[in-house]
Amino acid sequence: MGQQETISANGLEFACLTDGPMDGPLALCLHGFPDTAHTWRYLLPELAAAGFRAVAPFLRGYAPSPVPPDGHYQVGALVQDANALHDALGATSDAVIIGHDWGALATYSQLQRSWYMFFFQSSMAESALPLDDYSFIDGLWRDWSPGYDGSWDVAKVKEAIGDPEHILAAISYYRAMFDPAHQTPELADEQAAALLPTPKPTLYLHGRDDGCMLLSSIGSPLDFLAEGSEMEIVDGTGHFLHVEQPDLVNRRILGFLTAT
């Protein structure tokens, strides 16, 4: 069975769900918005059974991880966190990273779906998000994964951002996208590196019914991925495909990892 641990990295104490042998290759699983490390609950034991040291941190600002005192939420800061967790866990070059969410604004229809990113730029977002028991979050899960009952996962999101400090942290990820004033040179370098083509073969999975990131907006991901990468559209799933059809998604991820 997995457990929750606290891992010190990049000056923060990250709460992490962990499973698998301590000496296994690291599989670092990163969640997005609006979800938590709990959405990896089906994949972690499968990774562990395959011999991986599976670790799913609650990202900076998502309780029980702390709100970062530096206030940095840029992609570069997330890259630093991931690298620091890799080092803190004593991982080597055989480590793998598995991520979910954070999309594209490539088409007009995608802009319509991504309205929430622009709403988060307004000063009223902090007060609007908690209204009616965070019904905003319930609505996103319904719209992004049609037909899936995400009530358990949504409850965990509400725990993770259920106070003003953590609400502001979750919103700040999106404000950082449009606020270069708080971008340090070091973070800018990390962010630039993160936008380069992937250095290793990558598996890209996309739910066919994803109500957040339209298929028409993603172009051809294989053009930006290393040779040997694979892409698959998963039928019958929306945005949170790894909790909607965990058996199928887990099998696909493990098959790719063990093959490469």
Protein backbone atom coordinates (compact mmCIF):
# COMPACT_ATOMS: atom_id res chain seq x y z
CA MET A 1 0.00 0.00 0.00
CA GLY A 2 1.11 3.54 -0.66
CA GLN A 3 1.62 6.20 1.96
CA GLN A 4 1.98 9.94 2.36
CA GLU A 5 5.45 11.30 3.00
CA THR A 6 7.02 14.74 3.32
CA ILE A 7 10.00 15.37 1.04
CA SER A 8 12.22 18.45 1.35
CA ALA A 9 13.10 19.94 -2.04
CA ASN A 10 13.77 23.41 -3.45
CA GLY A 11 13.27 25.00 -0.02
CA LEU A 12 9.77 23.52 0.44
CA GLU A 13 8.31 20.57 2.32
CA PHE A 14 6.29 18.70 -0.31
CA ALA A 15 3.55 16.34 0.81
CA CYS A 16 3.75 13.34 -1.52
CA LEU A 17 1.81 10.14 -2.08
CA THR A 18 4.37 7.39 -2.57
CA ASP A 19 4.46 3.72 -3.44
CA GLY A 20 6.97 1.17 -4.61
CA PRO A 21 10.50 0.04 -3.70
CA MET A 22 12.88 2.68 -2.40
CA ASP A 23 15.59 1.52 -4.82
CA GLY A 24 13.35 1.48 -7.88
CA PRO A 25 13.65 4.03 -10.70
CA LEU A 26 11.70 7.20 -9.89
CA ALA A 27 8.33 7.79 -11.54
CA LEU A 28 7.36 11.37 -10.66
CA CYS A 29 3.64 12.06 -11.22
CA LEU A 30 2.58 15.73 -11.40
CA HIS A 31 -1.05 16.85 -11.17
CA GLY A 32 -2.66 19.94 -12.68
CA PHE A 33 -5.69 22.18 -11.95
CA PRO A 34 -8.21 21.65 -10.50
CA ASP A 35 -7.03 18.35 -9.08
CA THR A 36 -4.55 16.90 -6.60
CA ALA A 37 -2.03 14.10 -6.17
CA HIS A 38 -4.98 11.85 -5.35
CA THR A 39 -5.88 11.59 -9.04
CA TRP A 40 -2.82 9.34 -9.41
CA ARG A 41 -4.28 6.84 -6.92
CA TYR A 42 -4.89 4.20 -9.60
CA LEU A 43 -1.55 4.56 -11.35
CA LEU A 44 0.77 4.65 -8.32
CA PRO A 45 0.25 1.00 -7.25
CA GLU A 46 0.61 -0.17 -10.86
CA LEU A 47 3.91 1.69 -11.18
CA ALA A 48 5.01 0.21 -7.85
CA ALA A 49 4.14 -3.32 -9.01
CA ALA A 50 6.31 -2.73 -12.08
CA GLY A 51 9.25 -1.87 -9.82
CA PHE A 52 9.10 1.94 -9.91
CA ARG A 53 9.43 4.27 -6.93
CA ALA A 54 6.18 6.16 -7.65
CA VAL A 55 5.90 9.66 -6.15
CA ALA A 56 3.01 12.08 -6.61
CA PRO A 57 3.61 15.45 -4.89
CA PHE A 58 0.97 18.00 -4.06
CA LEU A 59 2.30 20.91 -6.08
CA ARG A 60 3.43 24.14 -4.42
CA GLY A 61 0.44 25.91 -2.93
CA TYR A 62 -1.80 22.81 -2.84
CA ALA A 63 -2.33 21.64 0.75
CA PRO A 64 -0.89 19.78 2.50
CA SER A 65 2.16 21.14 0.63
CA PRO A 66 2.94 24.71 1.71
CA VAL A 67 2.33 27.99 -0.04
CA PRO A 68 5.79 29.02 -1.31
CA PRO A 69 7.16 32.13 0.42
CA ASP A 70 8.76 33.32 -2.83
CA GLY A 71 5.34 33.52 -4.51
CA HIS A 72 6.66 31.90 -7.71
CA TYR A 73 4.22 29.87 -9.78
CA GLN A 74 5.78 30.12 -13.24
CA VAL A 75 6.47 26.98 -15.26
CA GLY A 76 10.14 27.54 -14.46
CA ALA A 77 9.38 27.21 -10.74
CA LEU A 78 7.58 23.92 -11.35
CA VAL A 79 10.56 22.67 -13.35
CA GLN A 80 12.85 23.59 -10.46
CA ASP A 81 10.58 21.72 -8.05
CA ALA A 82 10.58 18.61 -10.24
CA ASN A 83 14.36 18.68 -10.60
CA ALA A 84 14.80 19.22 -6.87
CA LEU A 85 12.47 16.32 -6.04
CA HIS A 86 14.45 14.16 -8.46
CA ASP A 87 17.66 15.02 -6.59
CA ALA A 88 16.14 14.74 -3.12
CA LEU A 89 14.91 11.24 -3.92
CA GLY A 90 18.33 10.19 -5.15
CA ALA A 91 17.00 9.46 -8.62
CA THR A 92 19.21 8.79 -11.64
CA SER A 93 18.87 9.05 -15.41
CA ASP A 94 16.37 6.17 -15.52
CA ALA A 95 13.71 8.34 -13.83
CA VAL A 96 10.48 9.10 -15.69
CA ILE A 97 7.99 11.94 -15.35
CA ILE A 98 4.22 11.71 -15.86
CA GLY A 99 2.18 14.90 -16.02
CA HIS A 100 -1.41 16.02 -16.54
CA ASP A 101 -3.06 19.30 -17.61
CA TRP A 102 -1.74 22.76 -18.59
CA GLY A 103 -2.88 23.33 -22.13
CA ALA A 104 -2.76 25.31 -25.30
CA LEU A 105 -4.38 28.55 -26.43
CA ALA A 106 -3.82 27.87 -30.11
CA THR A 107 -7.30 28.39 -31.59
CA TYR A 108 -10.27 30.62 -31.01
CA SER A 109 -12.42 27.72 -29.87
CA GLN A 110 -9.71 26.79 -27.36
CA LEU A 111 -9.73 30.36 -26.04
CA GLN A 112 -13.46 29.96 -25.41
CA ARG A 113 -12.79 26.78 -23.43
CA SER A 114 -9.94 28.48 -21.54
CA TRP A 115 -11.98 31.46 -20.31
CA TYR A 116 -11.25 30.47 -16.71
CA MET A 117 -7.56 31.34 -17.21
CA PHE A 118 -8.51 34.92 -18.01
CA PHE A 119 -11.12 35.08 -15.24
CA PHE A 120 -8.34 34.22 -12.78
CA GLN A 121 -6.54 37.42 -13.79
CA SER A 122 -9.31 39.50 -12.16
CA SER A 123 -9.24 40.59 -8.53
CA MET A 124 -12.70 39.10 -7.95
CA ALA A 125 -11.54 35.54 -8.65
CA GLU A 126 -10.41 34.88 -5.06
CA SER A 127 -13.83 35.74 -3.65
CA ALA A 128 -15.82 34.07 -6.44
CA LEU A 129 -14.07 30.70 -6.38
CA PRO A 130 -15.33 29.60 -2.89
CA LEU A 131 -18.96 30.64 -3.52
CA ASP A 132 -21.66 27.98 -3.11
CA ASP A 133 -19.18 25.43 -1.75
CA TYR A 134 -16.77 25.88 -4.66
CA SER A 135 -19.42 25.12 -7.27
CA PHE A 136 -17.01 26.61 -9.82
CA ILE A 137 -14.77 23.55 -9.36
CA ASP A 138 -17.74 21.16 -9.60
CA GLY A 139 -18.70 22.82 -12.87
CA LEU A 140 -15.23 22.49 -14.38
CA TRP A 141 -15.10 18.76 -13.66
CA ARG A 142 -18.58 18.27 -15.17
CA ASP A 143 -17.69 20.24 -18.29
CA TRP A 144 -14.21 18.79 -18.77
CA SER A 145 -15.08 15.12 -18.15
CA PRO A 146 -18.72 14.72 -19.28
CA GLY A 147 -20.45 11.71 -17.75
CA TYR A 148 -17.84 11.09 -15.07
CA ASP A 149 -18.81 11.44 -11.41
CA GLY A 150 -15.86 13.41 -10.06
CA SER A 151 -17.39 14.18 -6.66
CA TRP A 152 -14.68 12.29 -4.71
CA ASP A 153 -11.88 14.04 -6.58
CA VAL A 154 -13.57 17.43 -6.31
CA ALA A 155 -13.83 16.99 -2.53
CA LYS A 156 -10.07 16.45 -2.42
CA VAL A 157 -9.51 19.61 -4.49
CA LYS A 158 -11.64 21.58 -2.03
CA GLU A 159 -9.48 20.26 0.81
CA ALA A 160 -6.31 21.30 -1.02
CA ILE A 161 -7.40 24.89 -1.77
CA GLY A 162 -10.01 25.35 0.95
CA ASP A 163 -8.73 28.58 2.49
CA PRO A 164 -7.86 32.05 1.12
CA GLU A 165 -4.09 31.44 1.10
CA HIS A 166 -4.33 28.24 -0.94
CA ILE A 167 -7.03 29.66 -3.24
CA LEU A 168 -4.67 32.49 -4.11
CA ALA A 169 -1.86 29.99 -4.72
CA ALA A 170 -3.96 27.94 -7.16
CA ILE A 171 -5.03 31.06 -9.05
CA SER A 172 -1.47 32.38 -9.11
CA TYR A 173 -0.36 29.58 -11.45
CA TYR A 174 -2.49 31.26 -14.12
CA ARG A 175 -1.59 34.82 -13.20
CA ALA A 176 2.09 33.91 -13.53
CA MET A 177 1.46 33.03 -17.20
CA PHE A 178 0.70 36.69 -17.95
CA ASP A 179 2.95 38.43 -15.42
CA PRO A 180 6.58 38.69 -16.57
CA ALA A 181 7.36 41.13 -13.75
CA HIS A 182 7.93 38.28 -11.30
CA GLN A 183 10.00 36.18 -13.70
CA THR A 184 13.60 35.84 -12.56
CA PRO A 185 16.38 35.11 -15.09
CA GLU A 186 16.84 31.66 -13.57
CA LEU A 187 13.13 30.84 -13.83
CA ALA A 188 13.08 32.16 -17.39
CA ASP A 189 15.91 29.78 -18.33
CA GLU A 190 14.08 26.84 -16.74
CA GLN A 191 10.87 27.77 -18.54
CA ALA A 192 12.63 28.08 -21.90
CA ALA A 193 14.16 24.64 -21.42
CA ALA A 194 10.74 23.18 -20.58
CA LEU A 195 9.35 24.44 -23.90
CA LEU A 196 12.01 22.72 -26.00
CA PRO A 197 11.27 19.39 -27.71
CA THR A 198 11.38 16.51 -25.26
CA PRO A 199 14.85 14.93 -24.96
CA LYS A 200 13.46 11.41 -24.51
CA PRO A 201 10.61 9.40 -26.06
CA THR A 202 7.29 10.58 -24.67
CA LEU A 203 3.79 9.11 -24.55
CA TYR A 204 1.00 11.65 -25.17
CA LEU A 205 -2.54 10.60 -24.21
CA HIS A 206 -5.61 12.76 -24.87
CA GLY A 207 -9.23 12.06 -23.97
CA ARG A 208 -11.46 12.24 -27.05
CA ASP A 209 -14.22 13.98 -25.08
CA ASP A 210 -11.91 16.42 -23.28
CA GLY A 211 -13.96 19.54 -22.54
CA CYS A 212 -10.94 21.58 -21.46
CA MET A 213 -8.36 21.01 -24.19
CA LEU A 214 -9.91 20.57 -27.61
CA LEU A 215 -8.35 18.03 -29.93
CA SER A 216 -8.38 20.67 -32.65
CA SER A 217 -6.15 22.93 -30.52
CA ILE A 218 -3.25 20.57 -29.91
CA GLY A 219 -1.99 20.28 -33.47
CA SER A 220 0.44 17.40 -33.88
CA PRO A 221 2.26 16.81 -30.58
CA LEU A 222 4.57 14.31 -32.25
CA ASP A 223 6.18 17.23 -34.09
CA PHE A 224 7.49 18.48 -30.74
CA LEU A 225 8.38 15.16 -29.14
CA ALA A 226 11.54 13.09 -29.39
CA GLU A 227 11.91 10.30 -31.90
CA GLY A 228 10.20 7.16 -30.64
CA SER A 229 7.35 9.13 -29.01
CA GLU A 230 3.76 7.96 -29.31
CA MET A 231 0.35 9.64 -29.25
CA GLU A 232 -3.03 8.07 -28.60
CA ILE A 233 -6.57 9.43 -28.43
CA VAL A 234 -8.45 7.59 -25.68
CA ASP A 235 -12.10 7.02 -26.55
CA GLY A 236 -14.77 7.43 -23.90
CA THR A 237 -12.73 9.76 -21.71
CA GLY A 238 -12.56 13.48 -21.03
CA HIS A 239 -9.92 15.67 -19.43
CA PHE A 240 -9.29 13.52 -16.35
CA LEU A 241 -8.78 10.33 -18.33
CA HIS A 242 -6.49 8.70 -15.75
CA VAL A 243 -9.37 8.49 -13.22
CA GLU A 244 -12.13 7.93 -15.78
CA GLN A 245 -10.61 4.79 -17.34
CA PRO A 246 -7.68 3.91 -15.08
CA ASP A 247 -7.26 0.32 -16.26
CA LEU A 248 -6.89 1.33 -19.90
CA VAL A 249 -4.70 4.36 -19.21
CA ASN A 250 -2.50 2.54 -16.70
CA ARG A 251 -1.97 -0.34 -19.11
CA ARG A 252 -0.97 2.08 -21.86
CA ILE A 253 1.46 4.01 -19.62
CA LEU A 254 3.09 0.88 -18.18
CA GLY A 255 3.37 -0.68 -21.63
CA PHE A 256 5.19 2.38 -22.93
CA LEU A 257 7.51 2.68 -19.90
CA THR A 258 8.52 -0.96 -19.88
CA ALA A 259 9.06 -0.98 -23.66
CA THR A 260 11.35 2.06 -23.59
